[in-house]
Each structure stands twice: as C-alpha cells, then as structure tokens.
Amino acid sequence: MKCWFHPEARAEFLESVRYYEEQQSGLGRRLLEAVSETIRRIQAHPSMYRVVSGTWRQCRVPRFPFGIIYRVGNRRVEIIAVMHLHRKPGYWRHRGEEPNP
C-alpha cells in the first residue's frame, strides 16, 4: 500500500528531524527511522490503530513523543500529521477538511 503525505505533514516531519539532529548528532536519523518503521506497521495493519476523529487514526512512534495521524483511502495511507504528542492537540484537524488529492 502506497503512502501519501499532506504537504504540511511532510514539512513538520522534516523540521522535527532537523531539530532533533541539531540537538544530538544521529538523533534526527533515529527519528526518521522510527517514523519509517511506524509507517510500515500502518501499511501492514492499517485498521489496527485507534480512531481519533471520524476516519482518522493515530499510531504512536516508538521511542519518540510523536504520533502519526492517518486514514486509508484510495488504496493508500494518507498521512495528515506527524505530530508531537505534547503540543497543540488537534491542530491538524483543518487538514482533514481538504479534498483528497
């Protein structure tokens, strides 16, 4: 199953990777690997994770305070946020109102 990132989700994820790498060499890479592994888990078992709003689900990223907000649509996983779990809950909800690309 393919994966699609909302442009804002991609930008926030890459910014988090940069930030973590600036804090400690190699930490950004570990975040990138953890998120990649989480996406593979989602692709393998998309219905396994908890519903947070409508058709949107959340899967936690191991070893980091992040969650991936996604839904399955058009034979792909649509990621709307790679969110820090301790900041601004629900900030991503407006992204779900946009039409699917």
PDB file of N, CA and C in Angstrom:
ATOM      1  N   MET A   1       0.847  -1.177   0.000  1.00  0.00           N
ATOM      2  CA  MET A   1       0.000   0.000   0.000  1.00  0.00           C
ATOM      3  C   MET A   1       0.894   1.241   0.000  1.00  0.00           C
ATOM      4  N   LYS A   2       0.613   2.139  -0.911  1.00  0.00           N
ATOM      5  CA  LYS A   2       1.403   3.359  -1.019  1.00  0.00           C
ATOM      6  C   LYS A   2       1.070   4.318   0.122  1.00  0.00           C
ATOM      7  N   CYS A   3       1.926   5.311   0.250  1.00  0.00           N
ATOM      8  CA  CYS A   3       1.773   6.289   1.323  1.00  0.00           C
ATOM      9  C   CYS A   3       1.814   7.694   0.714  1.00  0.00           C
ATOM     10  N   TRP A   4       0.887   8.552   1.149  1.00  0.00           N
ATOM     11  CA  TRP A   4       0.840   9.943   0.713  1.00  0.00           C
ATOM     12  C   TRP A   4       0.925  10.838   1.937  1.00  0.00           C
ATOM     13  N   PHE A   5       1.771  11.865   1.876  1.00  0.00           N
ATOM     14  CA  PHE A   5       1.896  12.841   2.960  1.00  0.00           C
ATOM     15  C   PHE A   5       1.202  14.134   2.567  1.00  0.00           C
ATOM     16  N   HIS A   6       0.383  14.659   3.467  1.00  0.00           N
ATOM     17  CA  HIS A   6      -0.116  16.018   3.305  1.00  0.00           C
ATOM     18  C   HIS A   6       1.127  16.917   3.309  1.00  0.00           C
ATOM     19  N   PRO A   7       1.177  17.951   2.463  1.00  0.00           N
ATOM     20  CA  PRO A   7       2.377  18.802   2.410  1.00  0.00           C
ATOM     21  C   PRO A   7       2.782  19.374   3.771  1.00  0.00           C
ATOM     22  N   GLU A   8       1.823  19.772   4.587  1.00  0.00           N
ATOM     23  CA  GLU A   8       2.157  20.303   5.915  1.00  0.00           C
ATOM     24  C   GLU A   8       2.697  19.205   6.823  1.00  0.00           C
ATOM     25  N   ALA A   9       2.203  17.984   6.667  1.00  0.00           N
ATOM     26  CA  ALA A   9       2.702  16.858   7.467  1.00  0.00           C
ATOM     27  C   ALA A   9       4.156  16.567   7.104  1.00  0.00           C
ATOM     28  N   ARG A  10       4.448  16.571   5.817  1.00  0.00           N
ATOM     29  CA  ARG A  10       5.827  16.338   5.374  1.00  0.00           C
ATOM     30  C   ARG A  10       6.756  17.423   5.919  1.00  0.00           C
ATOM     31  N   ALA A  11       6.318  18.674   5.822  1.00  0.00           N
ATOM     32  CA  ALA A  11       7.146  19.794   6.291  1.00  0.00           C
ATOM     33  C   ALA A  11       7.396  19.705   7.795  1.00  0.00           C
ATOM     34  N   GLU A  12       6.372  19.410   8.587  1.00  0.00           N
ATOM     35  CA  GLU A  12       6.563  19.346  10.037  1.00  0.00           C
ATOM     36  C   GLU A  12       7.453  18.166  10.415  1.00  0.00           C
ATOM     37  N   PHE A  13       7.319  17.065   9.685  1.00  0.00           N
ATOM     38  CA  PHE A  13       8.151  15.903   9.956  1.00  0.00           C
ATOM     39  C   PHE A  13       9.621  16.219   9.664  1.00  0.00           C
ATOM     40  N   LEU A  14       9.901  16.792   8.506  1.00  0.00           N
ATOM     41  CA  LEU A  14      11.285  17.123   8.161  1.00  0.00           C
ATOM     42  C   LEU A  14      11.871  18.152   9.117  1.00  0.00           C
ATOM     43  N   GLU A  15      11.059  19.097   9.555  1.00  0.00           N
ATOM     44  CA  GLU A  15      11.526  20.085  10.539  1.00  0.00           C
ATOM     45  C   GLU A  15      11.875  19.406  11.861  1.00  0.00           C
ATOM     46  N   SER A  16      11.082  18.437  12.279  1.00  0.00           N
ATOM     47  CA  SER A  16      11.365  17.701  13.515  1.00  0.00           C
ATOM     48  C   SER A  16      12.656  16.907  13.389  1.00  0.00           C
ATOM     49  N   VAL A  17      12.869  16.290  12.241  1.00  0.00           N
ATOM     50  CA  VAL A  17      14.117  15.550  12.014  1.00  0.00           C
ATOM     51  C   VAL A  17      15.304  16.503  12.118  1.00  0.00           C
ATOM     52  N   ARG A  18      15.200  17.671  11.480  1.00  0.00           N
ATOM     53  CA  ARG A  18      16.297  18.665  11.553  1.00  0.00           C
ATOM     54  C   ARG A  18      16.536  19.111  12.992  1.00  0.00           C
ATOM     55  N   TYR A  19      15.452  19.409  13.705  1.00  0.00           N
ATOM     56  CA  TYR A  19      15.578  19.866  15.085  1.00  0.00           C
ATOM     57  C   TYR A  19      16.282  18.820  15.949  1.00  0.00           C
ATOM     58  N   TYR A  20      15.848  17.571  15.866  1.00  0.00           N
ATOM     59  CA  TYR A  20      16.443  16.511  16.675  1.00  0.00           C
ATOM     60  C   TYR A  20      17.912  16.304  16.311  1.00  0.00           C
ATOM     61  N   GLU A  21      18.230  16.427  15.042  1.00  0.00           N
ATOM     62  CA  GLU A  21      19.620  16.257  14.615  1.00  0.00           C
ATOM     63  C   GLU A  21      20.494  17.383  15.170  1.00  0.00           C
ATOM     64  N   GLU A  22      19.945  18.590  15.244  1.00  0.00           N
ATOM     65  CA  GLU A  22      20.684  19.718  15.826  1.00  0.00           C
ATOM     66  C   GLU A  22      20.917  19.520  17.319  1.00  0.00           C
ATOM     67  N   GLN A  23      19.999  18.851  17.986  1.00  0.00           N
ATOM     68  CA  GLN A  23      20.128  18.619  19.420  1.00  0.00           C
ATOM     69  C   GLN A  23      21.207  17.586  19.730  1.00  0.00           C
ATOM     70  N   GLN A  24      21.275  16.562  18.893  1.00  0.00           N
ATOM     71  CA  GLN A  24      22.258  15.494  19.102  1.00  0.00           C
ATOM     72  C   GLN A  24      22.508  14.787  17.773  1.00  0.00           C
ATOM     73  N   SER A  25      23.752  14.685  17.400  1.00  0.00           N
ATOM     74  CA  SER A  25      24.099  14.026  16.146  1.00  0.00           C
ATOM     75  C   SER A  25      23.559  12.595  16.118  1.00  0.00           C
ATOM     76  N   GLY A  26      22.850  12.264  15.048  1.00  0.00           N
ATOM     77  CA  GLY A  26      22.278  10.928  14.882  1.00  0.00           C
ATOM     78  C   GLY A  26      20.857  10.794  15.392  1.00  0.00           C
ATOM     79  N   LEU A  27      20.399  11.737  16.227  1.00  0.00           N
ATOM     80  CA  LEU A  27      19.050  11.638  16.790  1.00  0.00           C
ATOM     81  C   LEU A  27      17.984  11.886  15.720  1.00  0.00           C
ATOM     82  N   GLY A  28      18.243  12.804  14.808  1.00  0.00           N
ATOM     83  CA  GLY A  28      17.305  13.044  13.715  1.00  0.00           C
ATOM     84  C   GLY A  28      17.154  11.809  12.841  1.00  0.00           C
ATOM     85  N   ARG A  29      18.262  11.143  12.596  1.00  0.00           N
ATOM     86  CA  ARG A  29      18.217   9.909  11.797  1.00  0.00           C
ATOM     87  C   ARG A  29      17.411   8.830  12.510  1.00  0.00           C
ATOM     88  N   ARG A  30      17.552   8.753  13.832  1.00  0.00           N
ATOM     89  CA  ARG A  30      16.778   7.761  14.587  1.00  0.00           C
ATOM     90  C   ARG A  30      15.287   8.073  14.531  1.00  0.00           C
ATOM     91  N   LEU A  31      14.936   9.353  14.577  1.00  0.00           N
ATOM     92  CA  LEU A  31      13.526   9.732  14.429  1.00  0.00           C
ATOM     93  C   LEU A  31      13.026   9.340  13.041  1.00  0.00           C
ATOM     94  N   LEU A  32      13.803   9.630  12.010  1.00  0.00           N
ATOM     95  CA  LEU A  32      13.434   9.262  10.645  1.00  0.00           C
ATOM     96  C   LEU A  32      13.205   7.755  10.528  1.00  0.00           C
ATOM     97  N   GLU A  33      14.093   6.968  11.099  1.00  0.00           N
ATOM     98  CA  GLU A  33      13.958   5.511  11.048  1.00  0.00           C
ATOM     99  C   GLU A  33      12.740   5.030  11.831  1.00  0.00           C
ATOM    100  N   ALA A  34      12.485   5.645  12.996  1.00  0.00           N
ATOM    101  CA  ALA A  34      11.335   5.246  13.816  1.00  0.00           C
ATOM    102  C   ALA A  34      10.023   5.560  13.105  1.00  0.00           C
ATOM    103  N   VAL A  35       9.947   6.718  12.464  1.00  0.00           N
ATOM    104  CA  VAL A  35       8.735   7.084  11.728  1.00  0.00           C
ATOM    105  C   VAL A  35       8.565   6.168  10.518  1.00  0.00           C
ATOM    106  N   SER A  36       9.646   5.867   9.822  1.00  0.00           N
ATOM    107  CA  SER A  36       9.572   4.960   8.667  1.00  0.00           C
ATOM    108  C   SER A  36       9.069   3.582   9.085  1.00  0.00           C
ATOM    109  N   GLU A  37       9.564   3.082  10.202  1.00  0.00           N
ATOM    110  CA  GLU A  37       9.112   1.782  10.701  1.00  0.00           C
ATOM    111  C   GLU A  37       7.640   1.841  11.111  1.00  0.00           C
ATOM    112  N   THR A  38       7.226   2.934  11.716  1.00  0.00           N
ATOM    113  CA  THR A  38       5.825   3.103  12.109  1.00  0.00           C
ATOM    114  C   THR A  38       4.925   3.107  10.879  1.00  0.00           C
ATOM    115  N   ILE A  39       5.352   3.776   9.821  1.00  0.00           N
ATOM    116  CA  ILE A  39       4.571   3.799   8.581  1.00  0.00           C
ATOM    117  C   ILE A  39       4.470   2.392   7.997  1.00  0.00           C
ATOM    118  N   ARG A  40       5.536   1.612   8.057  1.00  0.00           N
ATOM    119  CA  ARG A  40       5.473   0.225   7.570  1.00  0.00           C
ATOM    120  C   ARG A  40       4.462  -0.587   8.383  1.00  0.00           C
ATOM    121  N   ARG A  41       4.421  -0.359   9.709  1.00  0.00           N
ATOM    122  CA  ARG A  41       3.436  -1.056  10.553  1.00  0.00           C
ATOM    123  C   ARG A  41       2.019  -0.655  10.157  1.00  0.00           C
ATOM    124  N   ILE A  42       1.815   0.635   9.911  1.00  0.00           N
ATOM    125  CA  ILE A  42       0.497   1.120   9.494  1.00  0.00           C
ATOM    126  C   ILE A  42       0.103   0.483   8.165  1.00  0.00           C
ATOM    127  N   GLN A  43       1.022   0.447   7.223  1.00  0.00           N
ATOM    128  CA  GLN A  43       0.728  -0.135   5.908  1.00  0.00           C
ATOM    129  C   GLN A  43       0.367  -1.614   6.025  1.00  0.00           C
ATOM    130  N   ALA A  44       1.007  -2.317   6.935  1.00  0.00           N
ATOM    131  CA  ALA A  44       0.740  -3.749   7.109  1.00  0.00           C
ATOM    132  C   ALA A  44      -0.591  -3.999   7.814  1.00  0.00           C
ATOM    133  N   HIS A  45      -0.961  -3.126   8.760  1.00  0.00           N
ATOM    134  CA  HIS A  45      -2.175  -3.319   9.568  1.00  0.00           C
ATOM    135  C   HIS A  45      -2.892  -1.976   9.770  1.00  0.00           C
ATOM    136  N   PRO A  46      -3.437  -1.397   8.725  1.00  0.00           N
ATOM    137  CA  PRO A  46      -3.996  -0.045   8.823  1.00  0.00           C
ATOM    138  C   PRO A  46      -5.178   0.105   9.775  1.00  0.00           C
ATOM    139  N   SER A  47      -5.925  -0.948  10.019  1.00  0.00           N
ATOM    140  CA  SER A  47      -7.107  -0.844  10.884  1.00  0.00           C
ATOM    141  C   SER A  47      -6.792  -1.128  12.346  1.00  0.00           C
ATOM    142  N   MET A  48      -5.560  -1.394  12.655  1.00  0.00           N
ATOM    143  CA  MET A  48      -5.179  -1.816  13.995  1.00  0.00           C
ATOM    144  C   MET A  48      -5.141  -0.672  15.022  1.00  0.00           C
ATOM    145  N   TYR A  49      -4.970   0.542  14.566  1.00  0.00           N
ATOM    146  CA  TYR A  49      -4.715   1.645  15.487  1.00  0.00           C
ATOM    147  C   TYR A  49      -5.978   2.443  15.784  1.00  0.00           C
ATOM    148  N   ARG A  50      -5.958   3.150  16.893  1.00  0.00           N
ATOM    149  CA  ARG A  50      -7.166   3.786  17.412  1.00  0.00           C
ATOM    150  C   ARG A  50      -7.654   4.944  16.552  1.00  0.00           C
ATOM    151  N   VAL A  51      -8.969   5.047  16.468  1.00  0.00           N
ATOM    152  CA  VAL A  51      -9.622   6.149  15.759  1.00  0.00           C
ATOM    153  C   VAL A  51      -9.581   7.368  16.667  1.00  0.00           C
ATOM    154  N   VAL A  52      -9.166   8.514  16.099  1.00  0.00           N
ATOM    155  CA  VAL A  52      -9.123   9.746  16.883  1.00  0.00           C
ATOM    156  C   VAL A  52     -10.186  10.750  16.443  1.00  0.00           C
ATOM    157  N   SER A  53     -10.660  10.630  15.201  1.00  0.00           N
ATOM    158  CA  SER A  53     -11.683  11.546  14.709  1.00  0.00           C
ATOM    159  C   SER A  53     -12.195  11.042  13.359  1.00  0.00           C
ATOM    160  N   GLY A  54     -13.476  10.726  13.271  1.00  0.00           N
ATOM    161  CA  GLY A  54     -14.043  10.260  12.006  1.00  0.00           C
ATOM    162  C   GLY A  54     -13.305   9.031  11.482  1.00  0.00           C
ATOM    163  N   THR A  55     -12.675   9.183  10.332  1.00  0.00           N
ATOM    164  CA  THR A  55     -11.903   8.086   9.741  1.00  0.00           C
ATOM    165  C   THR A  55     -10.406   8.191  10.046  1.00  0.00           C
ATOM    166  N   TRP A  56     -10.009   9.199  10.805  1.00  0.00           N
ATOM    167  CA  TRP A  56      -8.589   9.419  11.119  1.00  0.00           C
ATOM    168  C   TRP A  56      -8.159   8.561  12.301  1.00  0.00           C
ATOM    169  N   ARG A  57      -7.015   7.956  12.158  1.00  0.00           N
ATOM    170  CA  ARG A  57      -6.435   7.093  13.193  1.00  0.00           C
ATOM    171  C   ARG A  57      -5.088   7.646  13.629  1.00  0.00           C
ATOM    172  N   GLN A  58      -4.630   7.178  14.780  1.00  0.00           N
ATOM    173  CA  GLN A  58      -3.319   7.594  15.281  1.00  0.00           C
ATOM    174  C   GLN A  58      -2.493   6.378  15.666  1.00  0.00           C
ATOM    175  N   CYS A  59      -1.242   6.398  15.260  1.00  0.00           N
ATOM    176  CA  CYS A  59      -0.286   5.366  15.642  1.00  0.00           C
ATOM    177  C   CYS A  59       0.915   6.058  16.279  1.00  0.00           C
ATOM    178  N   ARG A  60       1.279   5.623  17.465  1.00  0.00           N
ATOM    179  CA  ARG A  60       2.422   6.213  18.168  1.00  0.00           C
ATOM    180  C   ARG A  60       3.731   5.751  17.562  1.00  0.00           C
ATOM    181  N   VAL A  61       4.713   6.646  17.609  1.00  0.00           N
ATOM    182  CA  VAL A  61       6.063   6.344  17.127  1.00  0.00           C
ATOM    183  C   VAL A  61       6.877   5.891  18.334  1.00  0.00           C
ATOM    184  N   PRO A  62       7.459   4.691  18.278  1.00  0.00           N
ATOM    185  CA  PRO A  62       8.223   4.206  19.440  1.00  0.00           C
ATOM    186  C   PRO A  62       9.464   5.062  19.704  1.00  0.00           C
ATOM    187  N   ARG A  63       9.776   5.219  20.978  1.00  0.00           N
ATOM    188  CA  ARG A  63      10.971   5.919  21.463  1.00  0.00           C
ATOM    189  C   ARG A  63      10.959   7.432  21.263  1.00  0.00           C
ATOM    190  N   PHE A  64       9.896   7.976  20.694  1.00  0.00           N
ATOM    191  CA  PHE A  64       9.785   9.419  20.482  1.00  0.00           C
ATOM    192  C   PHE A  64       8.365   9.857  20.834  1.00  0.00           C
ATOM    193  N   PRO A  65       8.189  11.106  21.277  1.00  0.00           N
ATOM    194  CA  PRO A  65       6.846  11.586  21.640  1.00  0.00           C
ATOM    195  C   PRO A  65       6.056  12.072  20.428  1.00  0.00           C
ATOM    196  N   PHE A  66       5.919  11.212  19.433  1.00  0.00           N
ATOM    197  CA  PHE A  66       5.230  11.558  18.199  1.00  0.00           C
ATOM    198  C   PHE A  66       4.146  10.542  17.881  1.00  0.00           C
ATOM    199  N   GLY A  67       3.149  10.995  17.161  1.00  0.00           N
ATOM    200  CA  GLY A  67       2.110  10.126  16.647  1.00  0.00           C
ATOM    201  C   GLY A  67       1.876  10.465  15.190  1.00  0.00           C
ATOM    202  N   ILE A  68       1.474   9.477  14.423  1.00  0.00           N
ATOM    203  CA  ILE A  68       1.145   9.682  13.016  1.00  0.00           C
ATOM    204  C   ILE A  68      -0.375   9.620  12.891  1.00  0.00           C
ATOM    205  N   ILE A  69      -0.959  10.686  12.344  1.00  0.00           N
ATOM    206  CA  ILE A  69      -2.393  10.743  12.105  1.00  0.00           C
ATOM    207  C   ILE A  69      -2.612  10.390  10.636  1.00  0.00           C
ATOM    208  N   TYR A  70      -3.462   9.388  10.386  1.00  0.00           N
ATOM    209  CA  TYR A  70      -3.625   8.885   9.026  1.00  0.00           C
ATOM    210  C   TYR A  70      -5.029   8.323   8.828  1.00  0.00           C
ATOM    211  N   ARG A  71      -5.328   8.052   7.574  1.00  0.00           N
ATOM    212  CA  ARG A  71      -6.503   7.275   7.211  1.00  0.00           C
ATOM    213  C   ARG A  71      -6.149   6.480   5.960  1.00  0.00           C
ATOM    214  N   VAL A  72      -6.953   5.481   5.693  1.00  0.00           N
ATOM    215  CA  VAL A  72      -6.755   4.680   4.491  1.00  0.00           C
ATOM    216  C   VAL A  72      -7.790   5.130   3.476  1.00  0.00           C
ATOM    217  N   GLY A  73      -7.322   5.465   2.295  1.00  0.00           N
ATOM    218  CA  GLY A  73      -8.220   5.893   1.234  1.00  0.00           C
ATOM    219  C   GLY A  73      -7.585   5.684  -0.121  1.00  0.00           C
ATOM    220  N   ASN A  74      -8.391   5.345  -1.101  1.00  0.00           N
ATOM    221  CA  ASN A  74      -7.897   5.177  -2.475  1.00  0.00           C
ATOM    222  C   ASN A  74      -6.667   4.278  -2.549  1.00  0.00           C
ATOM    223  N   ARG A  75      -6.713   3.179  -1.798  1.00  0.00           N
ATOM    224  CA  ARG A  75      -5.629   2.186  -1.798  1.00  0.00           C
ATOM    225  C   ARG A  75      -4.289   2.748  -1.343  1.00  0.00           C
ATOM    226  N   ARG A  76      -4.338   3.724  -0.448  1.00  0.00           N
ATOM    227  CA  ARG A  76      -3.104   4.294   0.083  1.00  0.00           C
ATOM    228  C   ARG A  76      -3.338   4.775   1.505  1.00  0.00           C
ATOM    229  N   VAL A  77      -2.250   4.928   2.215  1.00  0.00           N
ATOM    230  CA  VAL A  77      -2.286   5.516   3.544  1.00  0.00           C
ATOM    231  C   VAL A  77      -2.065   7.012   3.356  1.00  0.00           C
ATOM    232  N   GLU A  78      -2.996   7.806   3.864  1.00  0.00           N
ATOM    233  CA  GLU A  78      -2.915   9.268   3.760  1.00  0.00           C
ATOM    234  C   GLU A  78      -2.518   9.824   5.119  1.00  0.00           C
ATOM    235  N   ILE A  79      -1.313  10.365   5.199  1.00  0.00           N
ATOM    236  CA  ILE A  79      -0.792  10.903   6.461  1.00  0.00           C
ATOM    237  C   ILE A  79      -1.053  12.396   6.491  1.00  0.00           C
ATOM    238  N   ILE A  80      -1.791  12.816   7.518  1.00  0.00           N
ATOM    239  CA  ILE A  80      -2.171  14.213   7.632  1.00  0.00           C
ATOM    240  C   ILE A  80      -1.306  14.958   8.650  1.00  0.00           C
ATOM    241  N   ALA A  81      -0.659  14.209   9.558  1.00  0.00           N
ATOM    242  CA  ALA A  81       0.208  14.849  10.558  1.00  0.00           C
ATOM    243  C   ALA A  81       1.202  13.845  11.124  1.00  0.00           C
ATOM    244  N   VAL A  82       2.399  14.354  11.376  1.00  0.00           N
ATOM    245  CA  VAL A  82       3.404  13.652  12.181  1.00  0.00           C
ATOM    246  C   VAL A  82       3.586  14.596  13.362  1.00  0.00           C
ATOM    247  N   MET A  83       2.779  14.366  14.395  1.00  0.00           N
ATOM    248  CA  MET A  83       2.633  15.369  15.444  1.00  0.00           C
ATOM    249  C   MET A  83       3.374  15.026  16.728  1.00  0.00           C
ATOM    250  N   HIS A  84       3.909  16.066  17.343  1.00  0.00           N
ATOM    251  CA  HIS A  84       4.483  15.937  18.670  1.00  0.00           C
ATOM    252  C   HIS A  84       3.303  15.802  19.629  1.00  0.00           C
ATOM    253  N   LEU A  85       3.308  14.781  20.448  1.00  0.00           N
ATOM    254  CA  LEU A  85       2.144  14.467  21.275  1.00  0.00           C
ATOM    255  C   LEU A  85       1.928  15.408  22.455  1.00  0.00           C
ATOM    256  N   HIS A  86       2.896  16.269  22.733  1.00  0.00           N
ATOM    257  CA  HIS A  86       2.766  17.171  23.881  1.00  0.00           C
ATOM    258  C   HIS A  86       2.535  18.621  23.464  1.00  0.00           C
ATOM    259  N   ARG A  87       2.179  18.824  22.208  1.00  0.00           N
ATOM    260  CA  ARG A  87       1.962  20.185  21.722  1.00  0.00           C
ATOM    261  C   ARG A  87       0.678  20.283  20.922  1.00  0.00           C
ATOM    262  N   LYS A  88      -0.119  21.273  21.190  1.00  0.00           N
ATOM    263  CA  LYS A  88      -1.308  21.639  20.406  1.00  0.00           C
ATOM    264  C   LYS A  88      -2.126  20.454  19.883  1.00  0.00           C
ATOM    265  N   PRO A  89      -2.749  19.696  20.742  1.00  0.00           N
ATOM    266  CA  PRO A  89      -3.563  18.584  20.231  1.00  0.00           C
ATOM    267  C   PRO A  89      -4.668  19.102  19.313  1.00  0.00           C
ATOM    268  N   GLY A  90      -4.899  18.380  18.245  1.00  0.00           N
ATOM    269  CA  GLY A  90      -5.977  18.729  17.329  1.00  0.00           C
ATOM    270  C   GLY A  90      -5.646  19.790  16.301  1.00  0.00           C
ATOM    271  N   TYR A  91      -4.422  20.320  16.296  1.00  0.00           N
ATOM    272  CA  TYR A  91      -4.062  21.384  15.360  1.00  0.00           C
ATOM    273  C   TYR A  91      -4.207  20.943  13.897  1.00  0.00           C
ATOM    274  N   TRP A  92      -4.168  19.665  13.652  1.00  0.00           N
ATOM    275  CA  TRP A  92      -4.167  19.095  12.300  1.00  0.00           C
ATOM    276  C   TRP A  92      -5.565  18.939  11.714  1.00  0.00           C
ATOM    277  N   ARG A  93      -6.590  19.086  12.532  1.00  0.00           N
ATOM    278  CA  ARG A  93      -7.955  18.765  12.094  1.00  0.00           C
ATOM    279  C   ARG A  93      -8.387  19.522  10.835  1.00  0.00           C
ATOM    280  N   HIS A  94      -7.963  20.758  10.660  1.00  0.00           N
ATOM    281  CA  HIS A  94      -8.363  21.510   9.457  1.00  0.00           C
ATOM    282  C   HIS A  94      -7.822  20.872   8.187  1.00  0.00           C
ATOM    283  N   ARG A  95      -6.741  20.120   8.279  1.00  0.00           N
ATOM    284  CA  ARG A  95      -6.166  19.464   7.100  1.00  0.00           C
ATOM    285  C   ARG A  95      -7.085  18.377   6.559  1.00  0.00           C
ATOM    286  N   GLY A  96      -7.846  17.750   7.426  1.00  0.00           N
ATOM    287  CA  GLY A  96      -8.752  16.692   7.013  1.00  0.00           C
ATOM    288  C   GLY A  96      -9.953  17.184   6.242  1.00  0.00           C
ATOM    289  N   GLU A  97     -10.184  18.487   6.251  1.00  0.00           N
ATOM    290  CA  GLU A  97     -11.319  19.067   5.549  1.00  0.00           C
ATOM    291  C   GLU A  97     -11.026  19.295   4.077  1.00  0.00           C
ATOM    292  N   GLU A  98      -9.742  19.205   3.703  1.00  0.00           N
ATOM    293  CA  GLU A  98      -9.359  19.433   2.319  1.00  0.00           C
ATOM    294  C   GLU A  98      -9.699  18.217   1.484  1.00  0.00           C
ATOM    295  N   PRO A  99     -10.006  18.406   0.201  1.00  0.00           N
ATOM    296  CA  PRO A  99     -10.291  17.255  -0.664  1.00  0.00           C
ATOM    297  C   PRO A  99      -9.057  16.390  -0.832  1.00  0.00           C
ATOM    298  N   ASN A 100      -9.249  15.102  -0.987  1.00  0.00           N
ATOM    299  CA  ASN A 100      -8.130  14.186  -1.226  1.00  0.00           C
ATOM    300  C   ASN A 100      -7.515  14.477  -2.578  1.00  0.00           C
ATOM    301  N   PRO A 101      -6.166  14.474  -2.668  1.00  0.00           N
ATOM    302  CA  PRO A 101      -5.518  14.727  -3.963  1.00  0.00           C
ATOM    303  C   PRO A 101      -5.687  13.557  -4.905  1.00  0.00           C
TER     304      PRO A 101
END
